[in-house]
Amino acid sequence: MSTRTLTGILLILGPIGTFVIWGFLEPVIIGNADTASENLKLYLANETAYLTLGIIGGVCFIGWFVGLGMLATLLRNKGGSGSAYSGAAAILFPGLAGVAMASWGLQKQAIEVAKTVGHEAGHTLQLTADNIGGGLGFVWPIATILIGTSIIMRKSEIPVTLGWVLSALAAIGVILFIFGTPSTPGLVGFLVWIAMGLTNAAMGFVLIRSQKSS
């Protein structure tokens, strides 16, 4: 399997798997609460389902970042216009993957701590897991804008249109992060997140098709 093909697979399965697991199945099967303490109680009451969905969803989410990092590396290695932007993105996405892994691991450990030490200790870990990725909503779209800019500035197998769409969606994400308030509709951010994921998936399809035709 080539690097381009693996990148395409991760860009397809990463966002789609994340949406299906965390955006649909987990809220339906386990439920969703407003506080970390209430969420921890839901996780403990549905431990097997939560751990199963959490593992699959976590792998998809982390794989999404890995795929974006690999895409940035591919664009950087080709050189030319825009390679500096993709090079910066290639540095940022591994860091984002690390934060995602830390949050994911803390969430799983929160259940064990709550069972062995007590709910309060588990609640502290759950709060940490929920907030350790507080900067993702800013750094992620910034890194995405860098990839989109690289695609726009240079000719590659990925259409420039997708670069513009990706950059525009990521710019909206940055604006929502900076100027959003607690009263800002969560649906807006969720729709932007889905649209970015679908755009990444489309880029993944393009990479796989270009590999087959080359």
Protein backbone atom coordinates (compact mmCIF):
# COMPACT_ATOMS: atom_id res chain seq x y z
CA MET A 1 0.00 0.00 0.00
CA SER A 2 1.36 3.40 -0.98
CA THR A 3 1.54 6.41 1.33
CA ARG A 4 -0.98 8.22 -0.86
CA THR A 5 -3.48 5.37 -0.64
CA LEU A 6 -3.14 5.06 3.14
CA THR A 7 -3.57 8.81 3.48
CA GLY A 8 -6.74 8.64 1.42
CA ILE A 9 -8.15 5.77 3.49
CA LEU A 10 -7.49 7.63 6.75
CA LEU A 11 -9.08 10.81 5.38
CA ILE A 12 -12.21 8.82 4.49
CA LEU A 13 -12.59 6.47 7.44
CA GLY A 14 -11.37 8.98 10.04
CA PRO A 15 -14.08 11.64 9.77
CA ILE A 16 -16.89 9.28 8.73
CA GLY A 17 -16.14 6.87 11.58
CA THR A 18 -15.88 9.74 14.07
CA PHE A 19 -19.25 11.16 13.03
CA VAL A 20 -21.00 7.80 13.09
CA ILE A 21 -19.61 6.76 16.48
CA TRP A 22 -19.42 10.00 18.46
CA GLY A 23 -22.01 12.04 16.60
CA PHE A 24 -24.72 9.38 16.40
CA LEU A 25 -24.22 5.97 18.03
CA GLU A 26 -22.75 7.07 21.37
CA PRO A 27 -25.44 9.70 22.12
CA VAL A 28 -28.20 7.27 21.12
CA ILE A 29 -26.87 4.21 22.96
CA ILE A 30 -25.27 5.82 26.01
CA GLY A 31 -26.83 9.26 26.17
CA ASN A 32 -25.36 12.69 26.71
CA ALA A 33 -25.39 14.93 29.79
CA ASP A 34 -24.53 18.56 30.46
CA THR A 35 -21.77 18.03 33.04
CA ALA A 36 -18.67 15.85 33.33
CA SER A 37 -20.02 14.26 36.51
CA GLU A 38 -23.30 13.26 34.87
CA ASN A 39 -21.49 11.97 31.79
CA LEU A 40 -19.24 9.83 33.98
CA LYS A 41 -22.32 8.28 35.59
CA LEU A 42 -23.67 7.45 32.13
CA TYR A 43 -20.36 5.88 31.14
CA LEU A 44 -20.26 3.75 34.30
CA ALA A 45 -23.85 2.61 33.76
CA ASN A 46 -23.04 1.59 30.16
CA GLU A 47 -19.39 0.65 30.60
CA THR A 48 -19.10 -2.08 27.96
CA ALA A 49 -20.86 -0.08 25.27
CA TYR A 50 -18.91 3.07 26.17
CA LEU A 51 -15.51 1.36 26.08
CA THR A 52 -16.31 -0.39 22.79
CA LEU A 53 -17.59 2.74 21.07
CA GLY A 54 -14.86 4.82 22.69
CA ILE A 55 -12.09 2.62 21.31
CA ILE A 56 -13.52 2.62 17.79
CA GLY A 57 -14.33 6.33 17.87
CA GLY A 58 -10.93 7.20 19.33
CA VAL A 59 -9.09 5.24 16.66
CA CYS A 60 -11.12 7.01 13.95
CA PHE A 61 -10.57 10.46 15.48
CA ILE A 62 -6.83 10.00 15.93
CA GLY A 63 -6.60 8.41 12.47
CA TRP A 64 -8.23 11.53 11.05
CA PHE A 65 -5.42 13.69 12.42
CA VAL A 66 -2.81 11.19 11.24
CA GLY A 67 -4.32 11.31 7.74
CA LEU A 68 -4.23 15.11 7.69
CA GLY A 69 -0.64 15.06 8.90
CA MET A 70 0.31 12.60 6.15
CA LEU A 71 -1.48 14.76 3.56
CA ALA A 72 0.45 17.82 4.75
CA THR A 73 3.69 15.83 4.47
CA LEU A 74 2.84 14.71 0.93
CA LEU A 75 2.15 18.29 -0.14
CA ARG A 76 5.32 19.56 1.55
CA ASN A 77 7.54 16.91 -0.03
CA LYS A 78 6.43 17.89 -3.52
CA GLY A 79 7.96 21.33 -3.02
CA GLY A 80 7.00 24.40 -4.98
CA SER A 81 4.47 27.06 -4.09
CA GLY A 82 2.64 26.45 -0.86
CA SER A 83 5.06 23.88 0.50
CA ALA A 84 5.94 26.14 3.44
CA TYR A 85 2.29 26.18 4.51
CA SER A 86 1.90 22.42 4.27
CA GLY A 87 5.21 22.06 6.12
CA ALA A 88 3.82 24.06 9.04
CA ALA A 89 0.66 21.95 9.00
CA ALA A 90 2.79 18.78 9.02
CA ILE A 91 4.19 19.95 12.35
CA LEU A 92 0.85 20.93 13.90
CA PHE A 93 -1.20 17.81 13.14
CA PRO A 94 1.02 15.33 15.04
CA GLY A 95 0.63 17.62 18.05
CA LEU A 96 -3.15 17.59 17.64
CA ALA A 97 -3.08 13.80 17.42
CA GLY A 98 -1.10 13.72 20.68
CA VAL A 99 -3.68 15.89 22.45
CA ALA A 100 -6.48 13.68 21.12
CA MET A 101 -4.70 10.56 22.42
CA ALA A 102 -4.20 12.18 25.84
CA SER A 103 -7.89 13.12 26.12
CA TRP A 104 -8.97 9.68 24.93
CA GLY A 105 -6.72 7.89 27.42
CA LEU A 106 -7.84 10.07 30.34
CA GLN A 107 -11.50 9.36 29.56
CA LYS A 108 -10.91 5.63 29.69
CA GLN A 109 -8.89 5.93 32.90
CA ALA A 110 -11.59 8.06 34.53
CA ILE A 111 -13.89 5.03 34.60
CA GLU A 112 -11.31 2.83 36.30
CA VAL A 113 -10.46 5.50 38.87
CA ALA A 114 -14.14 6.12 39.60
CA LYS A 115 -14.64 2.40 40.27
CA THR A 116 -11.54 1.85 42.39
CA VAL A 117 -10.97 5.20 44.13
CA GLY A 118 -14.31 6.94 43.99
CA HIS A 119 -16.57 9.07 41.83
CA GLU A 120 -14.94 12.35 42.85
CA ALA A 121 -11.48 11.21 41.72
CA GLY A 122 -12.91 9.88 38.47
CA HIS A 123 -14.78 13.14 37.99
CA THR A 124 -11.50 15.08 38.22
CA LEU A 125 -9.96 12.95 35.47
CA GLN A 126 -13.09 13.30 33.36
CA LEU A 127 -12.94 17.09 33.69
CA THR A 128 -9.28 17.00 32.65
CA ALA A 129 -10.08 14.81 29.65
CA ASP A 130 -12.91 17.12 28.58
CA ASN A 131 -10.79 20.27 28.82
CA ILE A 132 -7.29 19.15 27.76
CA GLY A 133 -8.33 19.63 24.16
CA GLY A 134 -9.70 23.13 24.70
CA GLY A 135 -7.34 24.54 22.08
CA LEU A 136 -8.23 22.01 19.39
CA GLY A 137 -11.04 24.23 18.13
CA PHE A 138 -8.46 26.89 17.24
CA VAL A 139 -5.30 25.00 16.22
CA TRP A 140 -7.16 22.41 14.13
CA PRO A 141 -8.79 24.93 11.75
CA ILE A 142 -5.57 26.97 11.59
CA ALA A 143 -3.65 23.87 10.48
CA THR A 144 -6.47 23.07 8.05
CA ILE A 145 -6.26 26.56 6.54
CA LEU A 146 -2.54 25.95 5.97
CA ILE A 147 -3.33 22.74 4.05
CA GLY A 148 -6.07 24.46 2.06
CA THR A 149 -3.72 27.33 1.18
CA SER A 150 -1.06 24.87 0.04
CA ILE A 151 -3.58 23.14 -2.25
CA ILE A 152 -4.73 26.48 -3.67
CA MET A 153 -1.19 27.71 -4.39
CA ARG A 154 0.09 24.64 -6.20
CA LYS A 155 -1.24 22.25 -8.81
CA SER A 156 -1.78 18.74 -7.42
CA GLU A 157 -4.16 15.83 -7.73
CA ILE A 158 -6.50 17.57 -5.27
CA PRO A 159 -8.73 20.14 -7.02
CA VAL A 160 -8.19 23.77 -6.04
CA THR A 161 -11.93 24.00 -5.36
CA LEU A 162 -11.57 21.63 -2.44
CA GLY A 163 -8.72 23.78 -1.13
CA TRP A 164 -10.96 26.86 -1.18
CA VAL A 165 -13.87 25.04 0.45
CA LEU A 166 -11.63 23.58 3.16
CA SER A 167 -10.01 26.94 3.91
CA ALA A 168 -13.38 28.74 4.06
CA LEU A 169 -14.86 26.18 6.45
CA ALA A 170 -11.76 26.27 8.64
CA ALA A 171 -11.89 30.09 8.71
CA ILE A 172 -15.47 29.88 9.98
CA GLY A 173 -14.23 27.49 12.66
CA VAL A 174 -11.60 30.02 13.78
CA ILE A 175 -14.21 32.80 13.91
CA LEU A 176 -16.56 30.66 15.97
CA PHE A 177 -13.76 29.81 18.40
CA ILE A 178 -12.69 33.44 18.87
CA PHE A 179 -16.04 35.21 18.86
CA GLY A 180 -18.37 32.42 19.92
CA THR A 181 -20.18 32.69 23.25
CA PRO A 182 -22.09 30.19 25.38
CA SER A 183 -25.20 31.39 23.57
CA THR A 184 -23.74 30.61 20.15
CA PRO A 185 -25.77 27.74 18.64
CA GLY A 186 -23.78 24.53 18.94
CA LEU A 187 -25.43 23.35 15.75
CA VAL A 188 -23.39 25.83 13.70
CA GLY A 189 -20.07 24.47 14.92
CA PHE A 190 -21.29 20.90 14.51
CA LEU A 191 -22.31 21.54 10.89
CA VAL A 192 -18.95 23.17 10.14
CA TRP A 193 -17.22 20.15 11.71
CA ILE A 194 -19.25 17.77 9.52
CA ALA A 195 -18.63 19.83 6.39
CA MET A 196 -14.86 19.87 7.05
CA GLY A 197 -14.92 16.10 7.56
CA LEU A 198 -16.83 15.49 4.33
CA THR A 199 -14.39 17.72 2.47
CA ASN A 200 -11.49 15.73 3.92
CA ALA A 201 -13.23 12.50 2.85
CA ALA A 202 -13.64 13.87 -0.69
CA MET A 203 -9.92 14.65 -0.74
CA GLY A 204 -9.25 11.08 0.39
CA PHE A 205 -11.27 9.72 -2.54
CA VAL A 206 -9.31 11.94 -4.93
CA LEU A 207 -5.99 10.66 -3.56
CA ILE A 208 -7.03 7.02 -3.92
CA ARG A 209 -8.33 7.54 -7.46
CA SER A 210 -5.17 9.39 -8.48
CA GLN A 211 -3.06 6.54 -7.11
CA LYS A 212 -5.03 3.96 -9.12
CA SER A 213 -4.78 5.97 -12.33
CA SER A 214 -1.07 6.70 -11.99
